[in-house]
């Protein structure tokens, strides 16, 4: 039984991808892989088995660049989760499975580098660019993504987060997600020894008081 963005789906002992999405939000949540956070926190053998099975099944079904998960914001969201939980996902996997995983990450990153501008302003664009920053910092041979992705994220911070720390949607949940993404991006850059654009820190500083008000 799966609960995503308020919608329940149930397919006993079958992959997540066999569930007909009851609404677009459910499908987007599944394709964005935020559910990996829950399985990684649970941390049991069964949770890892499910996470691995669903991830490699996604690669087999959708990894060639076709299907519902190839929107820039969903790719960014998915890259972040795959990078965050790579150790959890890689445990016990074969060399060929590991290579398939990283090939898929590289393909998604290349696609995102070409298409991030198609993401809608606001949270979707921040998601896409944060994922692109993660890809550049984490994938061998993708370092060339870091500078343009960081610069684009800096511009998005300046244009998408207003002086009062708000965003155009005025949705508090979206604003919290933007704050989380920018904090993750700044932390990842710092850990990798990559310069953090001042606009990132400035946007975080504007959003934090707005979240408390």
C-alpha atoms as a PDB file:
ATOM      1  CA  UNK A   1       0.000   0.000   0.000  1.00  0.00           C
ATOM      2  CA  UNK A   2       1.420   3.368  -1.041  1.00  0.00           C
ATOM      3  CA  UNK A   3       0.407   6.815   0.163  1.00  0.00           C
ATOM      4  CA  UNK A   4       1.731   9.611  -2.023  1.00  0.00           C
ATOM      5  CA  UNK A   5       0.507  13.225  -1.821  1.00  0.00           C
ATOM      6  CA  UNK A   6      -2.691  12.104  -0.108  1.00  0.00           C
ATOM      7  CA  UNK A   7      -3.614   9.353  -2.600  1.00  0.00           C
ATOM      8  CA  UNK A   8      -3.545   5.647  -1.800  1.00  0.00           C
ATOM      9  CA  UNK A   9      -2.476   2.940  -4.201  1.00  0.00           C
ATOM     10  CA  UNK A  10      -2.256  -0.778  -3.586  1.00  0.00           C
ATOM     11  CA  UNK A  11      -0.559  -3.474  -5.685  1.00  0.00           C
ATOM     12  CA  UNK A  12       0.584  -6.358  -3.431  1.00  0.00           C
ATOM     13  CA  UNK A  13       4.069  -7.655  -4.235  1.00  0.00           C
ATOM     14  CA  UNK A  14       4.280  -5.773  -7.515  1.00  0.00           C
ATOM     15  CA  UNK A  15       6.378  -2.759  -8.499  1.00  0.00           C
ATOM     16  CA  UNK A  16       5.319   0.768  -7.719  1.00  0.00           C
ATOM     17  CA  UNK A  17       5.206   1.417 -11.471  1.00  0.00           C
ATOM     18  CA  UNK A  18       2.345  -1.047 -11.911  1.00  0.00           C
ATOM     19  CA  UNK A  19       0.007   1.200  -9.934  1.00  0.00           C
ATOM     20  CA  UNK A  20      -2.220   3.277 -12.248  1.00  0.00           C
ATOM     21  CA  UNK A  21      -1.763   6.822 -10.892  1.00  0.00           C
ATOM     22  CA  UNK A  22      -5.092   7.983  -9.429  1.00  0.00           C
ATOM     23  CA  UNK A  23      -4.114  11.576 -10.252  1.00  0.00           C
ATOM     24  CA  UNK A  24      -1.177  13.476 -11.803  1.00  0.00           C
ATOM     25  CA  UNK A  25       0.216  14.442  -8.393  1.00  0.00           C
ATOM     26  CA  UNK A  26       0.544  10.778  -7.389  1.00  0.00           C
ATOM     27  CA  UNK A  27       2.378   9.979 -10.618  1.00  0.00           C
ATOM     28  CA  UNK A  28       4.746  12.922 -10.178  1.00  0.00           C
ATOM     29  CA  UNK A  29       5.494  11.957  -6.578  1.00  0.00           C
ATOM     30  CA  UNK A  30       6.305   8.404  -7.643  1.00  0.00           C
ATOM     31  CA  UNK A  31       8.559   9.529 -10.498  1.00  0.00           C
ATOM     32  CA  UNK A  32      10.334  12.062  -8.265  1.00  0.00           C
ATOM     33  CA  UNK A  33      11.561   9.286  -5.923  1.00  0.00           C
ATOM     34  CA  UNK A  34      11.040  11.234  -2.677  1.00  0.00           C
ATOM     35  CA  UNK A  35       9.707   7.933  -1.279  1.00  0.00           C
ATOM     36  CA  UNK A  36      13.354   6.802  -1.168  1.00  0.00           C
ATOM     37  CA  UNK A  37      13.758   9.056   1.875  1.00  0.00           C
ATOM     38  CA  UNK A  38      11.216   6.982   3.800  1.00  0.00           C
ATOM     39  CA  UNK A  39      12.661   3.616   2.800  1.00  0.00           C
ATOM     40  CA  UNK A  40      16.214   4.744   3.608  1.00  0.00           C
ATOM     41  CA  UNK A  41      15.128   5.990   7.049  1.00  0.00           C
ATOM     42  CA  UNK A  42      13.373   2.673   7.690  1.00  0.00           C
ATOM     43  CA  UNK A  43      16.643   0.999   6.716  1.00  0.00           C
ATOM     44  CA  UNK A  44      15.518  -2.613   6.947  1.00  0.00           C
ATOM     45  CA  UNK A  45      16.580  -5.347   4.535  1.00  0.00           C
ATOM     46  CA  UNK A  46      13.060  -5.408   3.130  1.00  0.00           C
ATOM     47  CA  UNK A  47      13.049  -1.618   2.684  1.00  0.00           C
ATOM     48  CA  UNK A  48      16.343  -1.783   0.796  1.00  0.00           C
ATOM     49  CA  UNK A  49      15.071  -4.649  -1.337  1.00  0.00           C
ATOM     50  CA  UNK A  50      11.984  -2.640  -2.295  1.00  0.00           C
ATOM     51  CA  UNK A  51      14.006   0.504  -3.000  1.00  0.00           C
ATOM     52  CA  UNK A  52      16.454  -1.382  -5.199  1.00  0.00           C
ATOM     53  CA  UNK A  53      13.784  -3.321  -7.068  1.00  0.00           C
ATOM     54  CA  UNK A  54      11.731  -0.212  -7.832  1.00  0.00           C
ATOM     55  CA  UNK A  55      14.814   1.791  -8.852  1.00  0.00           C
ATOM     56  CA  UNK A  56      16.216  -0.762 -11.292  1.00  0.00           C
ATOM     57  CA  UNK A  57      12.726  -1.446 -12.606  1.00  0.00           C
ATOM     58  CA  UNK A  58      12.418   2.296 -13.291  1.00  0.00           C
ATOM     59  CA  UNK A  59      15.710   2.160 -15.208  1.00  0.00           C
ATOM     60  CA  UNK A  60      14.440  -0.768 -17.283  1.00  0.00           C
ATOM     61  CA  UNK A  61      11.092   0.862 -18.050  1.00  0.00           C
ATOM     62  CA  UNK A  62      11.894   4.553 -18.317  1.00  0.00           C
ATOM     63  CA  UNK A  63      15.668   4.965 -18.302  1.00  0.00           C
ATOM     64  CA  UNK A  64      15.986   5.418 -22.057  1.00  0.00           C
ATOM     65  CA  UNK A  65      14.400   8.867 -21.835  1.00  0.00           C
ATOM     66  CA  UNK A  66      10.770   7.996 -22.402  1.00  0.00           C
ATOM     67  CA  UNK A  67       7.807   8.076 -20.066  1.00  0.00           C
ATOM     68  CA  UNK A  68       6.201  10.366 -17.529  1.00  0.00           C
ATOM     69  CA  UNK A  69       9.265  11.083 -15.396  1.00  0.00           C
ATOM     70  CA  UNK A  70      11.213  13.110 -17.941  1.00  0.00           C
ATOM     71  CA  UNK A  71      10.098  16.575 -16.844  1.00  0.00           C
ATOM     72  CA  UNK A  72      12.978  18.847 -15.731  1.00  0.00           C
ATOM     73  CA  UNK A  73      11.715  19.300 -12.176  1.00  0.00           C
ATOM     74  CA  UNK A  74      11.104  15.561 -11.715  1.00  0.00           C
ATOM     75  CA  UNK A  75      14.540  14.730 -13.103  1.00  0.00           C
ATOM     76  CA  UNK A  76      16.120  17.180 -10.667  1.00  0.00           C
ATOM     77  CA  UNK A  77      14.145  15.730  -7.774  1.00  0.00           C
ATOM     78  CA  UNK A  78      15.080  12.189  -8.777  1.00  0.00           C
ATOM     79  CA  UNK A  79      18.795  12.952  -9.205  1.00  0.00           C
ATOM     80  CA  UNK A  80      18.928  14.460  -5.711  1.00  0.00           C
ATOM     81  CA  UNK A  81      17.416  11.315  -4.181  1.00  0.00           C
ATOM     82  CA  UNK A  82      19.584   8.930  -6.169  1.00  0.00           C
ATOM     83  CA  UNK A  83      22.713  10.815  -5.139  1.00  0.00           C
ATOM     84  CA  UNK A  84      21.611  11.125  -1.490  1.00  0.00           C
ATOM     85  CA  UNK A  85      20.818   7.427  -1.211  1.00  0.00           C
ATOM     86  CA  UNK A  86      23.404   5.922  -3.563  1.00  0.00           C
ATOM     87  CA  UNK A  87      25.110   3.951  -0.774  1.00  0.00           C
ATOM     88  CA  UNK A  88      21.761   2.548   0.369  1.00  0.00           C
ATOM     89  CA  UNK A  89      20.852   1.586  -3.195  1.00  0.00           C
ATOM     90  CA  UNK A  90      24.237   0.137  -4.159  1.00  0.00           C
ATOM     91  CA  UNK A  91      24.520  -2.348  -1.279  1.00  0.00           C
ATOM     92  CA  UNK A  92      24.888  -5.851  -2.679  1.00  0.00           C
ATOM     93  CA  UNK A  93      24.299  -4.902  -6.304  1.00  0.00           C
ATOM     94  CA  UNK A  94      26.314  -6.432  -9.136  1.00  0.00           C
ATOM     95  CA  UNK A  95      28.840  -4.558 -11.246  1.00  0.00           C
ATOM     96  CA  UNK A  96      26.473  -4.495 -14.217  1.00  0.00           C
ATOM     97  CA  UNK A  97      23.618  -3.138 -12.073  1.00  0.00           C
ATOM     98  CA  UNK A  98      25.878  -0.463 -10.621  1.00  0.00           C
ATOM     99  CA  UNK A  99      27.001   0.547 -14.102  1.00  0.00           C
ATOM    100  CA  UNK A 100      23.372   0.723 -15.277  1.00  0.00           C
ATOM    101  CA  UNK A 101      22.537   2.994 -12.340  1.00  0.00           C
ATOM    102  CA  UNK A 102      25.336   5.448 -13.082  1.00  0.00           C
ATOM    103  CA  UNK A 103      24.651   5.368 -16.830  1.00  0.00           C
ATOM    104  CA  UNK A 104      21.078   6.344 -16.075  1.00  0.00           C
ATOM    105  CA  UNK A 105      22.204   9.161 -13.794  1.00  0.00           C
ATOM    106  CA  UNK A 106      24.523  10.447 -16.512  1.00  0.00           C
ATOM    107  CA  UNK A 107      21.762  10.285 -19.136  1.00  0.00           C
ATOM    108  CA  UNK A 108      19.335  12.149 -16.903  1.00  0.00           C
ATOM    109  CA  UNK A 109      21.965  14.775 -16.114  1.00  0.00           C
ATOM    110  CA  UNK A 110      22.756  15.349 -19.780  1.00  0.00           C
ATOM    111  CA  UNK A 111      19.048  15.660 -20.588  1.00  0.00           C
ATOM    112  CA  UNK A 112      18.544  18.081 -17.690  1.00  0.00           C
ATOM    113  CA  UNK A 113      21.490  20.240 -18.751  1.00  0.00           C
ATOM    114  CA  UNK A 114      19.717  20.799 -22.069  1.00  0.00           C
ATOM    115  CA  UNK A 115      16.159  21.145 -20.790  1.00  0.00           C
ATOM    116  CA  UNK A 116      16.194  22.779 -17.360  1.00  0.00           C
ATOM    117  CA  UNK A 117      14.998  26.057 -18.865  1.00  0.00           C
ATOM    118  CA  UNK A 118      11.707  24.344 -19.726  1.00  0.00           C
ATOM    119  CA  UNK A 119      10.938  24.022 -16.001  1.00  0.00           C
ATOM    120  CA  UNK A 120       8.286  26.424 -14.790  1.00  0.00           C
ATOM    121  CA  UNK A 121       9.513  29.355 -12.678  1.00  0.00           C
ATOM    122  CA  UNK A 122       9.487  28.907  -8.932  1.00  0.00           C
ATOM    123  CA  UNK A 123       9.840  25.556  -7.201  1.00  0.00           C
ATOM    124  CA  UNK A 124      10.068  23.456 -10.417  1.00  0.00           C
ATOM    125  CA  UNK A 125      13.021  25.472 -11.693  1.00  0.00           C
ATOM    126  CA  UNK A 126      14.763  25.380  -8.316  1.00  0.00           C
ATOM    127  CA  UNK A 127      14.298  21.586  -8.245  1.00  0.00           C
ATOM    128  CA  UNK A 128      15.736  21.194 -11.739  1.00  0.00           C
ATOM    129  CA  UNK A 129      18.773  23.370 -11.063  1.00  0.00           C
ATOM    130  CA  UNK A 130      19.507  21.857  -7.661  1.00  0.00           C
ATOM    131  CA  UNK A 131      19.481  18.423  -9.282  1.00  0.00           C
ATOM    132  CA  UNK A 132      21.864  19.680 -11.960  1.00  0.00           C
ATOM    133  CA  UNK A 133      24.224  21.044  -9.305  1.00  0.00           C
ATOM    134  CA  UNK A 134      24.141  17.666  -7.529  1.00  0.00           C
ATOM    135  CA  UNK A 135      24.923  15.871 -10.784  1.00  0.00           C
ATOM    136  CA  UNK A 136      27.895  18.096 -11.503  1.00  0.00           C
ATOM    137  CA  UNK A 137      29.275  17.671  -7.996  1.00  0.00           C
ATOM    138  CA  UNK A 138      28.707  13.917  -7.762  1.00  0.00           C
ATOM    139  CA  UNK A 139      29.261  12.298 -11.160  1.00  0.00           C
ATOM    140  CA  UNK A 140      32.691  11.630 -12.609  1.00  0.00           C
ATOM    141  CA  UNK A 141      33.076  13.537 -15.858  1.00  0.00           C
ATOM    142  CA  UNK A 142      30.215  15.951 -15.102  1.00  0.00           C
ATOM    143  CA  UNK A 143      32.234  18.708 -13.454  1.00  0.00           C
ATOM    144  CA  UNK A 144      31.512  20.949 -16.428  1.00  0.00           C
ATOM    145  CA  UNK A 145      27.920  21.194 -15.232  1.00  0.00           C
ATOM    146  CA  UNK A 146      28.827  22.822 -11.925  1.00  0.00           C
ATOM    147  CA  UNK A 147      29.616  26.396 -13.000  1.00  0.00           C
ATOM    148  CA  UNK A 148      26.653  26.936 -15.358  1.00  0.00           C
ATOM    149  CA  UNK A 149      24.231  25.190 -13.001  1.00  0.00           C
ATOM    150  CA  UNK A 150      25.449  27.226 -10.016  1.00  0.00           C
ATOM    151  CA  UNK A 151      25.166  30.452 -12.007  1.00  0.00           C
ATOM    152  CA  UNK A 152      21.654  29.582 -13.164  1.00  0.00           C
ATOM    153  CA  UNK A 153      20.617  28.666  -9.621  1.00  0.00           C
ATOM    154  CA  UNK A 154      22.027  31.972  -8.380  1.00  0.00           C
ATOM    155  CA  UNK A 155      19.937  33.846 -10.964  1.00  0.00           C
ATOM    156  CA  UNK A 156      16.855  31.863  -9.955  1.00  0.00           C
ATOM    157  CA  UNK A 157      17.446  32.792  -6.315  1.00  0.00           C
ATOM    158  CA  UNK A 158      17.550  36.464  -7.249  1.00  0.00           C
ATOM    159  CA  UNK A 159      14.449  36.374  -9.450  1.00  0.00           C
ATOM    160  CA  UNK A 160      12.243  33.699  -7.846  1.00  0.00           C
ATOM    161  CA  UNK A 161      12.577  34.686  -4.160  1.00  0.00           C
ATOM    162  CA  UNK A 162      11.266  38.190  -3.549  1.00  0.00           C
ATOM    163  CA  UNK A 163      12.553  40.733  -1.044  1.00  0.00           C
ATOM    164  CA  UNK A 164      10.117  39.497   1.580  1.00  0.00           C
ATOM    165  CA  UNK A 165      11.297  35.899   1.227  1.00  0.00           C
ATOM    166  CA  UNK A 166       8.242  34.747  -0.689  1.00  0.00           C
ATOM    167  CA  UNK A 167       7.727  33.026  -4.028  1.00  0.00           C
ATOM    168  CA  UNK A 168       5.102  33.610  -6.693  1.00  0.00           C
ATOM    169  CA  UNK A 169       2.888  30.652  -5.751  1.00  0.00           C
ATOM    170  CA  UNK A 170       2.514  31.922  -2.144  1.00  0.00           C
ATOM    171  CA  UNK A 171       2.275  28.275  -1.136  1.00  0.00           C
ATOM    172  CA  UNK A 172       3.967  27.684   2.252  1.00  0.00           C
ATOM    173  CA  UNK A 173       4.778  24.062   1.390  1.00  0.00           C
ATOM    174  CA  UNK A 174       6.452  25.156  -1.851  1.00  0.00           C
ATOM    175  CA  UNK A 175       8.413  27.795   0.044  1.00  0.00           C
ATOM    176  CA  UNK A 176       9.606  25.241   2.608  1.00  0.00           C
ATOM    177  CA  UNK A 177      10.699  22.951  -0.226  1.00  0.00           C
ATOM    178  CA  UNK A 178      12.611  25.803  -1.882  1.00  0.00           C
ATOM    179  CA  UNK A 179      14.362  26.550   1.412  1.00  0.00           C
ATOM    180  CA  UNK A 180      15.263  22.862   1.815  1.00  0.00           C
ATOM    181  CA  UNK A 181      16.615  22.607  -1.729  1.00  0.00           C
ATOM    182  CA  UNK A 182      18.728  25.753  -1.444  1.00  0.00           C
ATOM    183  CA  UNK A 183      20.123  24.571   1.893  1.00  0.00           C
ATOM    184  CA  UNK A 184      21.002  21.190   0.381  1.00  0.00           C
ATOM    185  CA  UNK A 185      22.626  22.848  -2.636  1.00  0.00           C
ATOM    186  CA  UNK A 186      24.731  25.158  -0.460  1.00  0.00           C
ATOM    187  CA  UNK A 187      25.782  22.255   1.765  1.00  0.00           C
ATOM    188  CA  UNK A 188      26.701  20.055  -1.214  1.00  0.00           C
ATOM    189  CA  UNK A 189      28.794  22.839  -2.756  1.00  0.00           C
ATOM    190  CA  UNK A 190      30.556  23.494   0.532  1.00  0.00           C
ATOM    191  CA  UNK A 191      31.303  19.798   1.090  1.00  0.00           C
ATOM    192  CA  UNK A 192      32.728  19.533  -2.431  1.00  0.00           C
ATOM    193  CA  UNK A 193      34.864  22.646  -2.037  1.00  0.00           C
ATOM    194  CA  UNK A 194      32.893  24.463  -4.723  1.00  0.00           C
ATOM    195  CA  UNK A 195      32.112  28.172  -4.223  1.00  0.00           C
ATOM    196  CA  UNK A 196      28.572  28.907  -3.091  1.00  0.00           C
ATOM    197  CA  UNK A 197      27.008  31.877  -4.913  1.00  0.00           C
ATOM    198  CA  UNK A 198      26.171  34.737  -2.579  1.00  0.00           C
ATOM    199  CA  UNK A 199      22.663  34.847  -4.048  1.00  0.00           C
ATOM    200  CA  UNK A 200      22.039  31.402  -2.546  1.00  0.00           C
ATOM    201  CA  UNK A 201      22.886  32.547   0.956  1.00  0.00           C
ATOM    202  CA  UNK A 202      20.896  35.751   0.442  1.00  0.00           C
ATOM    203  CA  UNK A 203      17.792  33.833  -0.665  1.00  0.00           C
ATOM    204  CA  UNK A 204      18.052  31.479   2.315  1.00  0.00           C
ATOM    205  CA  UNK A 205      18.379  34.484   4.620  1.00  0.00           C
ATOM    206  CA  UNK A 206      15.241  36.055   3.099  1.00  0.00           C
ATOM    207  CA  UNK A 207      13.162  32.878   3.279  1.00  0.00           C
ATOM    208  CA  UNK A 208      13.999  31.828   6.847  1.00  0.00           C
ATOM    209  CA  UNK A 209      12.217  34.767   8.583  1.00  0.00           C
ATOM    210  CA  UNK A 210       9.248  34.391   6.208  1.00  0.00           C
ATOM    211  CA  UNK A 211       8.844  30.774   7.309  1.00  0.00           C
ATOM    212  CA  UNK A 212       8.642  31.840  10.950  1.00  0.00           C
ATOM    213  CA  UNK A 213       6.079  34.583  10.394  1.00  0.00           C
END
